């Protein structure tokens, strides 16, 4: 093939791609579709995301716009032509799918809801990317503008859904031309982008549209043994937003509908909790009996300062923990809240994972050697690390921070206490995160409720999260706590024994902030291999060690420890990206 022909092939492929994107832009930006069309437009937006991700991997979005030579140009052209044939002709859209578009505003436009709807997936694909593709493919004359917005005068939901399904088939054909590893990476990237969309979407209508789109059969289903389906995550966020809106003086019908779908939380009196058996020394966590069934109970003291504000937050938190969730959230279902008469203390009452699972131990108990596996395999420890990291990621995606992550709050439940005595590592396969007593919504207006000074627990906390520190709690502080737990799992020892050179928590009842802050410095150095008592690289491998360092906000370059920018100035997106990368590193460990 001569160079001129090669240029022509590339030019045709990019031109066809531009036609497809132009058609999607016209449909997704058109007015007068109505609010009920939002989920369908989300479906189309997801296909636009998949198409642009493919074009990036195929080389078309590179500086030269050259198709990867390993791809069959004829097949690529053929598929893109079929796509552009569906999307690129307004007349064909009208005839085949009953989607009539005109340039002038129709007379009945003002009677429809959603005349000027916001593009829910605008976070996923920027208009700048769209304009760049359209301008380079000569679909627009001005690089700073998009095609003129049109108006729907007919919108057939069933036909639109049929069109999106056809578009998905052709986009999937393009994906199938790439090698399996690249496709896996694209799926991972698509999931990250859509997770970001979920995290940043705050309007009830938009979240509902996302929920319907991600729950559609036109979206690949999740693997039961893999990451949670995004539809399950966005459904939890929708319920949480519904709870948050319940205190508004005026709510939309959609908000009322979501709130109605959440069952009311039980109000439990203190005398209804019988036979409380504490599971730790402070006695704030234990098992009790409620209405004839064993339950897990966590007590939280509420200081007199801002008591009623904090009490409102506690009630809100209980409602969030009460929302039905996929088991991969790794949290217990809160069935009720018990408030003492003077509101100085509350008790969160949780249903056990199974009615027969009436025995429990914390990861800290197991690490201390009391019971449980003494030397679990690297595989078991790796799986445990991934599940804990994913749980934190899911809560961050729906907008909540844990604020209290440590090995004491990672628990395991069993039907028979002998399972802990036998020491089998299978008990580690089903961890549950507890200790959400300080959790809160990740929003500027939320009251920051800091825990009391307890060195044995403070060693897991970022210096900015300690009592007395001026900083507000931020998502990256959860990431730091995750790093401390990952280090414990690697060494299979409690953190208190690892940092004994800095602080002996068994001998110190109160420690100054400066001494507690030194724990972070010491752990950072240990993660970089500068402390003989900690050998994460040796025990778990380089990828795992890098995941720990990313959590702690450090890196190891050319033999030197380098502090990364994951600090007080870290943005939410940056923390989410780091956590995604941590999970990717952990999953990438080959054992």
Protein backbone atom coordinates (compact mmCIF):
# COMPACT_ATOMS: atom_id res chain seq x y z
CA UNK A 1 0.00 0.00 0.00
CA UNK A 2 1.47 3.37 -1.01
CA UNK A 3 1.66 6.24 1.51
CA UNK A 4 -1.13 8.18 -0.20
CA UNK A 5 -3.53 5.26 0.16
CA UNK A 6 -2.54 4.83 3.82
CA UNK A 7 -3.29 8.46 4.54
CA UNK A 8 -6.65 8.08 2.81
CA UNK A 9 -7.58 5.06 4.94
CA UNK A 10 -6.72 6.87 8.15
CA UNK A 11 -8.55 9.98 7.02
CA UNK A 12 -11.68 7.97 6.20
CA UNK A 13 -11.64 6.14 9.56
CA UNK A 14 -11.30 9.40 11.47
CA UNK A 15 -13.94 11.08 9.32
CA UNK A 16 -16.38 8.27 10.06
CA UNK A 17 -15.55 8.47 13.78
CA UNK A 18 -16.28 12.19 13.69
CA UNK A 19 -19.65 11.51 12.05
CA UNK A 20 -20.55 9.06 14.83
CA UNK A 21 -19.59 11.53 17.57
CA UNK A 22 -21.51 14.32 15.80
CA UNK A 23 -24.65 12.18 15.74
CA UNK A 24 -24.30 11.36 19.45
CA UNK A 25 -23.75 15.05 20.28
CA UNK A 26 -26.85 16.10 18.33
CA UNK A 27 -29.02 13.50 20.07
CA UNK A 28 -27.66 14.01 23.58
CA UNK A 29 -27.77 17.81 23.42
CA UNK A 30 -31.19 18.14 21.75
CA UNK A 31 -33.87 19.94 23.76
CA UNK A 32 -37.44 18.88 24.50
CA UNK A 33 -36.68 15.20 25.08
CA UNK A 34 -38.39 15.31 28.47
CA UNK A 35 -37.13 14.27 31.89
CA UNK A 36 -38.14 10.65 31.32
CA UNK A 37 -35.51 10.42 28.57
CA UNK A 38 -32.57 11.10 30.92
CA UNK A 39 -31.75 7.43 31.53
CA UNK A 40 -31.83 6.71 27.79
CA UNK A 41 -29.49 9.62 27.12
CA UNK A 42 -27.21 8.17 29.81
CA UNK A 43 -27.21 4.88 27.90
CA UNK A 44 -26.15 6.71 24.75
CA UNK A 45 -23.52 8.62 26.72
CA UNK A 46 -22.01 5.37 27.96
CA UNK A 47 -21.64 4.18 24.38
CA UNK A 48 -19.99 7.49 23.50
CA UNK A 49 -17.58 6.88 26.37
CA UNK A 50 -16.83 3.37 25.09
CA UNK A 51 -16.37 4.60 21.52
CA UNK A 52 -13.95 7.38 22.46
CA UNK A 53 -12.00 5.01 24.74
CA UNK A 54 -11.68 2.57 21.83
CA UNK A 55 -10.59 5.37 19.47
CA UNK A 56 -7.90 6.36 21.96
CA UNK A 57 -6.52 2.81 22.15
CA UNK A 58 -6.84 2.38 18.37
CA UNK A 59 -4.60 5.39 17.80
CA UNK A 60 -7.23 7.64 16.21
CA UNK A 61 -7.14 10.18 19.06
CA UNK A 62 -3.36 10.39 19.05
CA UNK A 63 -1.52 13.52 17.83
CA UNK A 64 -1.33 12.14 14.28
CA UNK A 65 -4.73 10.47 14.26
CA UNK A 66 -3.19 7.32 12.80
CA UNK A 67 -4.96 3.99 13.11
CA UNK A 68 -2.88 1.29 14.80
CA UNK A 69 -1.32 -0.78 12.02
CA UNK A 70 -2.17 -4.00 13.84
CA UNK A 71 -5.88 -3.31 13.28
CA UNK A 72 -7.68 -4.27 10.10
CA UNK A 73 -8.46 -0.88 8.54
CA UNK A 74 -11.12 -2.30 6.21
CA UNK A 75 -13.05 -3.88 9.11
CA UNK A 76 -12.71 -0.71 11.19
CA UNK A 77 -14.06 1.41 8.33
CA UNK A 78 -16.95 -0.98 7.77
CA UNK A 79 -18.04 -0.92 11.42
CA UNK A 80 -17.67 2.85 11.71
CA UNK A 81 -19.68 3.25 8.51
CA UNK A 82 -22.52 1.19 10.00
CA UNK A 83 -22.40 3.31 13.14
CA UNK A 84 -22.41 6.58 11.23
CA UNK A 85 -25.29 5.23 9.15
CA UNK A 86 -27.32 4.92 12.38
CA UNK A 87 -26.23 8.17 14.03
CA UNK A 88 -25.20 10.54 11.30
CA UNK A 89 -28.41 11.24 9.42
CA UNK A 90 -31.30 13.16 11.01
CA UNK A 91 -33.72 11.97 8.32
CA UNK A 92 -32.87 8.30 8.91
CA UNK A 93 -33.29 8.78 12.67
CA UNK A 94 -36.78 10.08 12.00
CA UNK A 95 -37.79 7.30 9.61
CA UNK A 96 -36.23 4.35 11.40
CA UNK A 97 -36.50 5.30 15.09
CA UNK A 98 -39.26 7.92 15.13
CA UNK A 99 -36.85 10.53 16.50
CA UNK A 100 -37.84 13.73 14.75
CA UNK A 101 -35.54 16.72 15.15
CA UNK A 102 -36.03 20.28 13.94
CA UNK A 103 -34.01 23.48 14.19
CA UNK A 104 -36.73 25.81 15.47
CA UNK A 105 -38.40 25.65 18.86
CA UNK A 106 -41.74 23.79 18.62
CA UNK A 107 -44.86 25.47 20.00
CA UNK A 108 -45.43 22.85 22.73
CA UNK A 109 -41.81 22.87 23.96
CA UNK A 110 -42.66 24.81 27.09
CA UNK A 111 -45.09 22.09 28.24
CA UNK A 112 -42.41 19.39 28.51
CA UNK A 113 -40.17 18.76 31.48
CA UNK A 114 -36.42 18.75 30.94
CA UNK A 115 -36.32 21.31 28.09
CA UNK A 116 -32.73 22.13 28.87
CA UNK A 117 -31.51 19.04 30.73
CA UNK A 118 -27.93 18.88 31.97
CA UNK A 119 -25.78 16.14 30.46
CA UNK A 120 -25.29 13.66 33.31
CA UNK A 121 -22.21 12.09 31.70
CA UNK A 122 -20.63 15.48 30.98
CA UNK A 123 -18.02 14.65 33.60
CA UNK A 124 -17.03 11.53 31.65
CA UNK A 125 -16.54 13.11 28.22
CA UNK A 126 -15.77 16.80 28.08
CA UNK A 127 -17.09 19.05 25.36
CA UNK A 128 -13.47 19.94 24.68
CA UNK A 129 -12.80 16.32 23.65
CA UNK A 130 -15.92 16.30 21.51
CA UNK A 131 -15.00 19.59 19.78
CA UNK A 132 -11.47 18.34 19.12
CA UNK A 133 -12.74 15.17 17.38
CA UNK A 134 -15.35 17.07 15.38
CA UNK A 135 -12.93 19.79 14.30
CA UNK A 136 -10.16 17.39 13.28
CA UNK A 137 -12.66 15.28 11.33
CA UNK A 138 -14.00 18.48 9.66
CA UNK A 139 -17.50 18.02 11.08
CA UNK A 140 -17.46 21.61 12.43
CA UNK A 141 -15.89 24.80 11.07
CA UNK A 142 -15.21 26.47 14.41
CA UNK A 143 -13.14 24.54 16.94
CA UNK A 144 -14.80 26.38 19.83
CA UNK A 145 -18.38 25.40 19.04
CA UNK A 146 -20.52 22.26 18.91
CA UNK A 147 -23.21 21.54 16.32
CA UNK A 148 -26.35 23.65 16.67
CA UNK A 149 -28.75 22.31 19.27
CA UNK A 150 -31.92 20.90 17.78
CA UNK A 151 -35.40 20.25 19.19
CA UNK A 152 -37.24 16.96 19.49
CA UNK A 153 -40.79 17.00 18.17
CA UNK A 154 -41.12 13.22 18.49
CA UNK A 155 -39.29 10.94 20.93
CA UNK A 156 -40.07 7.22 20.96
CA UNK A 157 -38.50 5.69 24.09
CA UNK A 158 -38.67 2.09 22.86
CA UNK A 159 -37.19 2.99 19.48
CA UNK A 160 -34.46 5.06 21.14
CA UNK A 161 -33.55 2.13 23.34
CA UNK A 162 -33.47 -0.10 20.26
CA UNK A 163 -31.12 2.36 18.58
CA UNK A 164 -28.76 2.41 21.57
CA UNK A 165 -28.72 -1.39 21.62
CA UNK A 166 -27.68 -1.40 17.94
CA UNK A 167 -24.99 1.20 18.62
CA UNK A 168 -23.65 -0.95 21.45
CA UNK A 169 -23.34 -3.97 19.13
CA UNK A 170 -21.15 -2.04 16.70
CA UNK A 171 -19.07 -0.43 19.44
CA UNK A 172 -18.51 -3.90 20.91
CA UNK A 173 -17.33 -5.08 17.49
CA UNK A 174 -14.71 -2.33 17.54
CA UNK A 175 -13.63 -3.35 21.03
CA UNK A 176 -13.29 -6.97 19.93
CA UNK A 177 -10.65 -5.93 17.38
CA UNK A 178 -8.27 -5.08 20.21
CA UNK A 179 -6.31 -7.67 22.17
CA UNK A 180 -7.89 -9.10 25.37
CA UNK A 181 -5.47 -7.32 27.73
CA UNK A 182 -6.29 -3.96 26.17
CA UNK A 183 -10.01 -4.71 26.43
CA UNK A 184 -9.63 -5.56 30.12
CA UNK A 185 -7.78 -2.28 30.66
CA UNK A 186 -10.52 -0.40 28.79
CA UNK A 187 -13.19 -2.01 30.98
CA UNK A 188 -11.23 -0.97 34.05
CA UNK A 189 -10.92 2.59 32.73
CA UNK A 190 -14.62 2.73 31.87
CA UNK A 191 -15.47 1.63 35.39
CA UNK A 192 -13.21 4.32 36.89
CA UNK A 193 -14.79 7.03 34.77
CA UNK A 194 -18.34 5.95 35.60
CA UNK A 195 -17.42 5.69 39.30
CA UNK A 196 -16.25 9.29 39.09
CA UNK A 197 -19.55 10.26 37.49
CA UNK A 198 -21.44 8.57 40.35
CA UNK A 199 -19.26 10.28 42.93
CA UNK A 200 -19.72 13.77 41.46
CA UNK A 201 -23.44 13.50 40.64
CA UNK A 202 -25.50 15.09 43.42
CA UNK A 203 -28.94 15.77 41.91
CA UNK A 204 -31.67 13.24 42.61
CA UNK A 205 -32.93 13.25 39.02
CA UNK A 206 -29.46 12.66 37.61
CA UNK A 207 -28.69 9.87 40.07
CA UNK A 208 -31.97 8.16 39.19
CA UNK A 209 -31.13 8.42 35.49
CA UNK A 210 -27.73 6.88 36.14
CA UNK A 211 -29.29 4.14 38.23
CA UNK A 212 -31.70 3.19 35.46
CA UNK A 213 -28.98 3.34 32.79
CA UNK A 214 -26.42 1.31 34.72
CA UNK A 215 -29.07 -1.24 35.64
CA UNK A 216 -29.99 -1.75 31.99
CA UNK A 217 -29.25 -5.03 30.22
CA UNK A 218 -27.34 -3.04 27.61
CA UNK A 219 -24.59 -2.57 30.21
CA UNK A 220 -22.29 -5.57 30.86
CA UNK A 221 -23.18 -7.24 34.16
CA UNK A 222 -20.67 -7.42 36.99
CA UNK A 223 -18.88 -10.58 38.04
CA UNK A 224 -20.09 -11.92 41.38
CA UNK A 225 -16.47 -12.55 42.37
CA UNK A 226 -15.19 -9.26 40.98
CA UNK A 227 -15.91 -5.57 41.57
CA UNK A 228 -19.46 -4.67 42.48
CA UNK A 229 -21.81 -3.75 39.61
CA UNK A 230 -21.98 0.04 39.32
CA UNK A 231 -25.78 -0.14 39.33
CA UNK A 232 -25.65 -1.46 42.91
CA UNK A 233 -23.41 1.43 43.98
CA UNK A 234 -25.50 4.17 42.38
CA UNK A 235 -28.67 2.66 43.91
CA UNK A 236 -27.16 3.14 47.38
CA UNK A 237 -26.21 6.72 46.52
CA UNK A 238 -29.77 7.40 45.34
CA UNK A 239 -31.13 6.13 48.65
CA UNK A 240 -28.61 8.20 50.62
CA UNK A 241 -29.49 11.37 48.69
CA UNK A 242 -33.14 10.62 49.39
CA UNK A 243 -32.39 10.46 53.12
CA UNK A 244 -30.41 13.70 52.98
CA UNK A 245 -33.30 15.45 51.25
CA UNK A 246 -35.87 14.21 53.79
CA UNK A 247 -35.15 17.17 56.07
CA UNK A 248 -35.84 19.72 53.32
CA UNK A 249 -38.89 21.92 53.68
CA UNK A 250 -39.74 21.40 50.01
CA UNK A 251 -38.93 18.17 48.15
CA UNK A 252 -39.51 17.09 44.60
CA UNK A 253 -41.82 14.11 43.90
CA UNK A 254 -38.73 12.11 42.88
CA UNK A 255 -37.09 12.77 46.24
CA UNK A 256 -40.25 11.70 48.08
CA UNK A 257 -40.39 8.51 46.01
CA UNK A 258 -36.81 7.57 46.95
CA UNK A 259 -37.37 8.28 50.65
CA UNK A 260 -40.48 6.10 50.62
CA UNK A 261 -38.38 3.19 49.34
CA UNK A 262 -36.17 3.28 52.48
CA UNK A 263 -37.72 1.46 55.41
CA UNK A 264 -37.82 3.48 58.67
CA UNK A 265 -35.10 2.93 61.25
CA UNK A 266 -36.13 1.28 64.53
CA UNK A 267 -36.06 3.35 67.70
CA UNK A 268 -34.71 1.03 70.40
CA UNK A 269 -34.77 1.69 74.12
CA UNK A 270 -31.85 0.73 76.36
CA UNK A 271 -33.85 -1.91 78.22
CA UNK A 272 -34.57 -3.72 74.94
CA UNK A 273 -30.88 -4.57 74.57
CA UNK A 274 -30.31 -7.56 76.80
CA UNK A 275 -27.22 -9.55 77.87
CA UNK A 276 -24.67 -7.09 76.45
CA UNK A 277 -21.25 -8.79 76.28
CA UNK A 278 -18.36 -6.38 75.53
CA UNK A 279 -15.78 -7.41 72.93
CA UNK A 280 -13.06 -4.89 73.84
CA UNK A 281 -11.53 -3.27 76.89
CA UNK A 282 -13.35 0.09 76.65
CA UNK A 283 -16.60 -1.86 76.46
CA UNK A 284 -18.03 0.26 73.64
CA UNK A 285 -18.43 -2.71 71.26
CA UNK A 286 -20.18 -5.97 71.96
CA UNK A 287 -22.88 -8.51 71.27
CA UNK A 288 -26.36 -8.24 72.76
CA UNK A 289 -29.82 -9.73 72.35
CA UNK A 290 -32.62 -7.75 70.75
CA UNK A 291 -36.08 -9.25 70.35
CA UNK A 292 -34.69 -12.73 70.84
CA UNK A 293 -31.89 -12.39 68.23
CA UNK A 294 -28.18 -11.79 68.71
CA UNK A 295 -27.03 -8.41 67.40
CA UNK A 296 -23.82 -6.41 67.14
CA UNK A 297 -23.77 -3.15 69.14
CA UNK A 298 -21.44 -0.15 68.96
CA UNK A 299 -21.71 2.67 71.49
CA UNK A 300 -20.74 6.25 70.77
CA UNK A 301 -20.35 8.99 73.37
CA UNK A 302 -21.57 12.44 72.29
CA UNK A 303 -19.85 15.43 73.86
CA UNK A 304 -21.94 18.28 75.20
CA UNK A 305 -20.35 20.62 72.66
CA UNK A 306 -22.50 20.68 69.48
CA UNK A 307 -24.45 17.75 70.96
CA UNK A 308 -27.66 18.31 69.05
CA UNK A 309 -25.87 18.90 65.75
CA UNK A 310 -23.88 15.72 66.26
CA UNK A 311 -26.98 13.82 67.33
CA UNK A 312 -28.66 14.78 64.07
CA UNK A 313 -25.60 13.52 62.19
CA UNK A 314 -25.66 10.27 64.17
CA UNK A 315 -29.31 9.71 63.21
CA UNK A 316 -28.44 10.45 59.60
CA UNK A 317 -25.50 8.02 59.74
CA UNK A 318 -27.72 5.29 61.18
CA UNK A 319 -30.11 5.80 58.26
CA UNK A 320 -27.22 5.47 55.79
CA UNK A 321 -26.06 2.24 57.46
CA UNK A 322 -29.68 1.10 57.35
CA UNK A 323 -29.91 1.42 53.54
CA UNK A 324 -29.86 -2.06 51.91
CA UNK A 325 -26.48 -2.66 50.26
CA UNK A 326 -24.68 -5.21 48.16
CA UNK A 327 -22.69 -7.61 50.36
CA UNK A 328 -19.48 -6.29 48.75
CA UNK A 329 -19.85 -3.06 50.71
CA UNK A 330 -18.65 -5.26 53.59
CA UNK A 331 -20.77 -3.52 56.22
CA UNK A 332 -23.41 -4.67 58.68
CA UNK A 333 -27.05 -3.68 58.29
CA UNK A 334 -28.10 -1.20 60.96
CA UNK A 335 -31.55 -2.09 62.28
CA UNK A 336 -31.95 0.60 64.92
CA UNK A 337 -30.55 3.34 67.11
CA UNK A 338 -30.77 3.60 70.89
CA UNK A 339 -30.35 7.06 72.44
CA UNK A 340 -29.90 7.59 76.17
CA UNK A 341 -32.28 10.02 77.85
CA UNK A 342 -29.74 12.85 78.12
CA UNK A 343 -28.39 12.10 74.59
CA UNK A 344 -24.87 11.70 75.99
CA UNK A 345 -24.48 8.27 74.39
CA UNK A 346 -26.07 6.34 71.56
CA UNK A 347 -25.94 2.70 70.52
CA UNK A 348 -25.95 1.54 66.90
CA UNK A 349 -27.65 -1.85 66.69
CA UNK A 350 -26.65 -4.07 63.76
CA UNK A 351 -28.01 -7.28 62.37
CA UNK A 352 -25.43 -10.08 62.23
CA UNK A 353 -24.34 -11.28 58.74
CA UNK A 354 -26.32 -14.47 59.37
CA UNK A 355 -28.67 -15.43 62.19
CA UNK A 356 -26.38 -18.30 63.13
CA UNK A 357 -23.12 -16.26 62.94
CA UNK A 358 -23.10 -15.42 66.65
CA UNK A 359 -19.34 -15.42 67.26
CA UNK A 360 -16.93 -12.71 66.17
CA UNK A 361 -13.28 -11.69 66.31
CA UNK A 362 -11.48 -8.62 65.05
CA UNK A 363 -8.48 -8.64 62.77
CA UNK A 364 -6.52 -7.08 65.62
CA UNK A 365 -7.39 -10.03 67.89
CA UNK A 366 -6.16 -12.45 65.23
CA UNK A 367 -2.97 -10.45 64.60
CA UNK A 368 -2.30 -10.51 68.35
CA UNK A 369 -2.25 -14.32 68.20
CA UNK A 370 -5.21 -14.91 70.51
CA UNK A 371 -7.05 -17.11 68.02
CA UNK A 372 -7.41 -17.53 64.29
CA UNK A 373 -4.80 -18.29 61.60
CA UNK A 374 -1.23 -17.87 62.83
CA UNK A 375 0.48 -17.71 59.43
CA UNK A 376 -2.04 -17.37 56.61
CA UNK A 377 -0.86 -17.66 53.03
CA UNK A 378 0.06 -14.65 50.92
CA UNK A 379 -2.99 -15.39 48.77
CA UNK A 380 -5.37 -15.16 51.75
CA UNK A 381 -3.78 -11.93 52.97
CA UNK A 382 -3.88 -10.43 49.47
CA UNK A 383 -7.58 -11.21 49.07
CA UNK A 384 -8.29 -9.72 52.49
CA UNK A 385 -6.43 -6.52 51.57
CA UNK A 386 -8.35 -6.15 48.30
CA UNK A 387 -11.73 -6.58 49.98
CA UNK A 388 -10.98 -3.96 52.64
CA UNK A 389 -9.68 -1.48 50.04
CA UNK A 390 -12.71 -2.03 47.81
CA UNK A 391 -15.10 -1.48 50.70
CA UNK A 392 -13.54 1.93 51.42
CA UNK A 393 -13.70 2.73 47.71
CA UNK A 394 -17.41 1.92 47.53
CA UNK A 395 -18.24 4.17 50.50
CA UNK A 396 -16.17 7.00 49.02
CA UNK A 397 -18.02 6.61 45.72
CA UNK A 398 -21.40 7.16 47.40
CA UNK A 399 -19.97 10.17 49.24
CA UNK A 400 -19.17 8.84 52.73
CA UNK A 401 -15.89 8.62 54.64
CA UNK A 402 -15.20 5.95 57.27
CA UNK A 403 -12.93 8.05 59.56
CA UNK A 404 -12.16 5.16 61.90
CA UNK A 405 -10.44 2.42 59.91
CA UNK A 406 -8.14 0.15 61.90
CA UNK A 407 -7.68 -3.60 62.37
CA UNK A 408 -9.93 -3.53 65.46
CA UNK A 409 -12.79 -2.50 63.16
CA UNK A 410 -12.27 -5.27 60.63
CA UNK A 411 -14.29 -8.18 61.98
CA UNK A 412 -15.03 -11.81 61.10
CA UNK A 413 -18.16 -13.72 62.09
CA UNK A 414 -18.66 -17.46 62.47
CA UNK A 415 -21.45 -19.82 63.46
CA UNK A 416 -19.16 -21.76 65.76
CA UNK A 417 -16.34 -20.38 67.93
CA UNK A 418 -14.30 -23.46 67.04
CA UNK A 419 -13.66 -21.94 63.60
CA UNK A 420 -11.44 -19.33 65.26
CA UNK A 421 -9.73 -21.95 67.40
CA UNK A 422 -8.97 -24.19 64.43
CA UNK A 423 -6.88 -21.45 62.89
CA UNK A 424 -7.92 -22.03 59.30
CA UNK A 425 -7.37 -19.11 56.94
CA UNK A 426 -10.82 -19.55 55.36
CA UNK A 427 -12.22 -17.34 58.14
CA UNK A 428 -10.41 -14.40 56.47
CA UNK A 429 -12.47 -14.72 53.27
CA UNK A 430 -15.43 -12.74 54.58
CA UNK A 431 -14.34 -9.55 56.40
CA UNK A 432 -16.84 -6.98 57.65
CA UNK A 433 -16.02 -3.31 58.27
CA UNK A 434 -17.41 -1.87 61.49
CA UNK A 435 -16.57 1.24 63.51
CA UNK A 436 -18.51 3.76 61.41
CA UNK A 437 -19.21 5.81 64.54
CA UNK A 438 -17.36 8.88 63.25
CA UNK A 439 -18.27 8.44 59.57
CA UNK A 440 -19.78 11.41 57.79
CA UNK A 441 -20.77 12.77 54.42
CA UNK A 442 -17.88 14.19 52.42
CA UNK A 443 -19.25 17.74 52.22
CA UNK A 444 -17.92 21.15 53.38
CA UNK A 445 -20.88 21.92 55.65
CA UNK A 446 -20.64 18.72 57.71
CA UNK A 447 -19.55 18.91 61.37
CA UNK A 448 -16.21 17.19 61.94
CA UNK A 449 -16.58 14.94 64.97
CA UNK A 450 -13.08 13.99 66.14
CA UNK A 451 -12.44 10.98 68.41
CA UNK A 452 -11.04 11.22 71.92
CA UNK A 453 -7.31 10.92 72.53
CA UNK A 454 -6.47 7.19 72.58
CA UNK A 455 -2.87 6.40 71.50
CA UNK A 456 -3.68 2.73 70.77
CA UNK A 457 -6.21 3.91 68.17
CA UNK A 458 -4.56 7.19 67.19
CA UNK A 459 -1.59 5.39 65.61
CA UNK A 460 -3.91 4.42 62.75
CA UNK A 461 -5.02 8.00 62.14
CA UNK A 462 -3.49 10.57 59.87
CA UNK A 463 -1.91 13.42 61.93
CA UNK A 464 -4.52 15.79 60.51
CA UNK A 465 -7.32 13.59 61.89
CA UNK A 466 -6.11 13.55 65.49
CA UNK A 467 -7.96 15.32 68.28
CA UNK A 468 -6.46 18.79 68.54
CA UNK A 469 -5.40 19.02 64.90
CA UNK A 470 -6.76 22.00 63.00
CA UNK A 471 -7.47 20.22 59.71
CA UNK A 472 -10.90 18.94 58.69
CA UNK A 473 -11.15 15.26 57.88
CA UNK A 474 -10.57 14.55 54.19
CA UNK A 475 -10.92 11.35 52.10
CA UNK A 476 -7.13 10.90 51.81
CA UNK A 477 -7.03 10.37 55.59
CA UNK A 478 -9.07 7.18 55.10
CA UNK A 479 -6.47 6.19 52.54
CA UNK A 480 -3.69 6.68 55.10
CA UNK A 481 -5.51 4.48 57.64
CA UNK A 482 -5.92 1.84 54.94
CA UNK A 483 -2.14 1.91 54.46
CA UNK A 484 -1.57 1.16 58.14
CA UNK A 485 -3.93 -1.84 58.00
CA UNK A 486 -2.28 -3.12 54.79
CA UNK A 487 1.08 -2.95 56.56
CA UNK A 488 -0.31 -4.97 59.48
CA UNK A 489 -1.64 -7.60 57.08
CA UNK A 490 1.74 -7.80 55.34
CA UNK A 491 3.67 -8.28 58.59
CA UNK A 492 0.80 -10.19 60.28
CA UNK A 493 1.41 -8.29 63.50
CA UNK A 494 -0.53 -5.48 65.24
CA UNK A 495 0.56 -1.97 64.32
CA UNK A 496 1.34 -1.26 67.98
CA UNK A 497 4.24 -3.75 67.86
CA UNK A 498 5.57 -2.27 64.61
CA UNK A 499 5.71 1.34 65.87
CA UNK A 500 6.97 0.50 69.36
CA UNK A 501 10.19 2.38 68.64
CA UNK A 502 8.14 5.55 68.30
CA UNK A 503 5.46 5.04 70.94
CA UNK A 504 4.59 2.21 73.32
CA UNK A 505 0.80 2.47 73.46
CA UNK A 506 0.59 -0.02 76.33
CA UNK A 507 2.51 2.33 78.61
CA UNK A 508 1.24 5.71 77.37
CA UNK A 509 -2.29 6.82 78.23
CA UNK A 510 -2.00 10.24 76.58
CA UNK A 511 0.51 11.24 73.91
CA UNK A 512 1.28 14.69 72.47
CA UNK A 513 0.36 15.34 68.84
CA UNK A 514 4.03 15.73 67.91
CA UNK A 515 4.81 12.18 69.08
CA UNK A 516 1.78 10.72 67.31
CA UNK A 517 2.71 12.61 64.14
CA UNK A 518 6.09 10.85 64.21
CA UNK A 519 4.27 7.56 63.63
CA UNK A 520 3.47 8.64 60.07
CA UNK A 521 7.11 9.58 59.43
CA UNK A 522 8.30 6.24 60.79
CA UNK A 523 5.72 4.20 58.82
CA UNK A 524 6.59 6.08 55.64
CA UNK A 525 10.26 5.24 56.09
CA UNK A 526 9.38 1.62 56.91
CA UNK A 527 7.26 1.32 53.76
CA UNK A 528 10.30 2.45 51.77
CA UNK A 529 12.45 -0.29 53.32
CA UNK A 530 14.34 1.94 55.73
CA UNK A 531 13.35 0.04 58.93
CA UNK A 532 14.60 -3.48 59.57
CA UNK A 533 11.52 -4.50 61.57
CA UNK A 534 9.23 -4.03 58.54
CA UNK A 535 9.84 -5.82 55.24
CA UNK A 536 6.71 -5.38 53.15
CA UNK A 537 8.51 -5.90 49.81
CA UNK A 538 9.98 -9.18 51.02
CA UNK A 539 6.74 -10.52 52.51
CA UNK A 540 4.17 -9.42 49.90
CA UNK A 541 6.03 -8.27 46.79
CA UNK A 542 6.83 -4.94 45.15
CA UNK A 543 3.30 -4.19 43.90
CA UNK A 544 1.80 -4.64 47.35
CA UNK A 545 4.55 -2.49 48.87
CA UNK A 546 3.88 0.23 46.30
CA UNK A 547 0.17 0.12 47.19
CA UNK A 548 1.08 0.66 50.86
CA UNK A 549 3.34 3.59 49.97
CA UNK A 550 0.62 5.20 47.86
CA UNK A 551 -1.77 4.99 50.82
CA UNK A 552 0.77 6.58 53.14
CA UNK A 553 1.54 9.35 50.64
CA UNK A 554 5.18 8.44 49.93
CA UNK A 555 7.19 6.81 47.17
CA UNK A 556 10.61 5.25 46.85
CA UNK A 557 12.61 6.63 43.93
CA UNK A 558 16.28 5.86 43.27
CA UNK A 559 16.75 4.65 46.83
CA UNK A 560 15.28 7.81 48.38
CA UNK A 561 11.94 8.38 50.10
CA UNK A 562 9.89 11.01 48.29
CA UNK A 563 6.72 12.56 49.71
CA UNK A 564 3.89 12.60 47.17
CA UNK A 565 1.31 15.38 46.89
CA UNK A 566 -1.41 13.32 48.58
CA UNK A 567 -1.71 15.73 51.48
CA UNK A 568 -4.02 18.39 52.83
CA UNK A 569 -4.22 19.96 49.39
CA UNK A 570 -5.34 16.72 47.76
CA UNK A 571 -8.56 16.98 45.80
CA UNK A 572 -11.31 14.35 45.98
CA UNK A 573 -10.60 13.22 42.43
CA UNK A 574 -6.92 12.78 43.21
CA UNK A 575 -7.64 10.65 46.29
CA UNK A 576 -10.10 8.53 44.32
CA UNK A 577 -7.54 8.01 41.55
CA UNK A 578 -4.90 6.94 44.06
CA UNK A 579 -7.31 4.51 45.73
CA UNK A 580 -8.22 3.09 42.32
CA UNK A 581 -4.52 2.67 41.58
CA UNK A 582 -3.98 0.98 44.96
CA UNK A 583 -6.70 -1.58 44.17
CA UNK A 584 -5.28 -2.08 40.69
CA UNK A 585 -1.81 -2.74 42.16
CA UNK A 586 -3.20 -5.21 44.69
CA UNK A 587 -5.18 -7.03 42.01
CA UNK A 588 -2.10 -7.09 39.81
CA UNK A 589 -0.03 -9.03 42.35
CA UNK A 590 0.93 -12.41 40.92
CA UNK A 591 1.30 -15.14 43.55
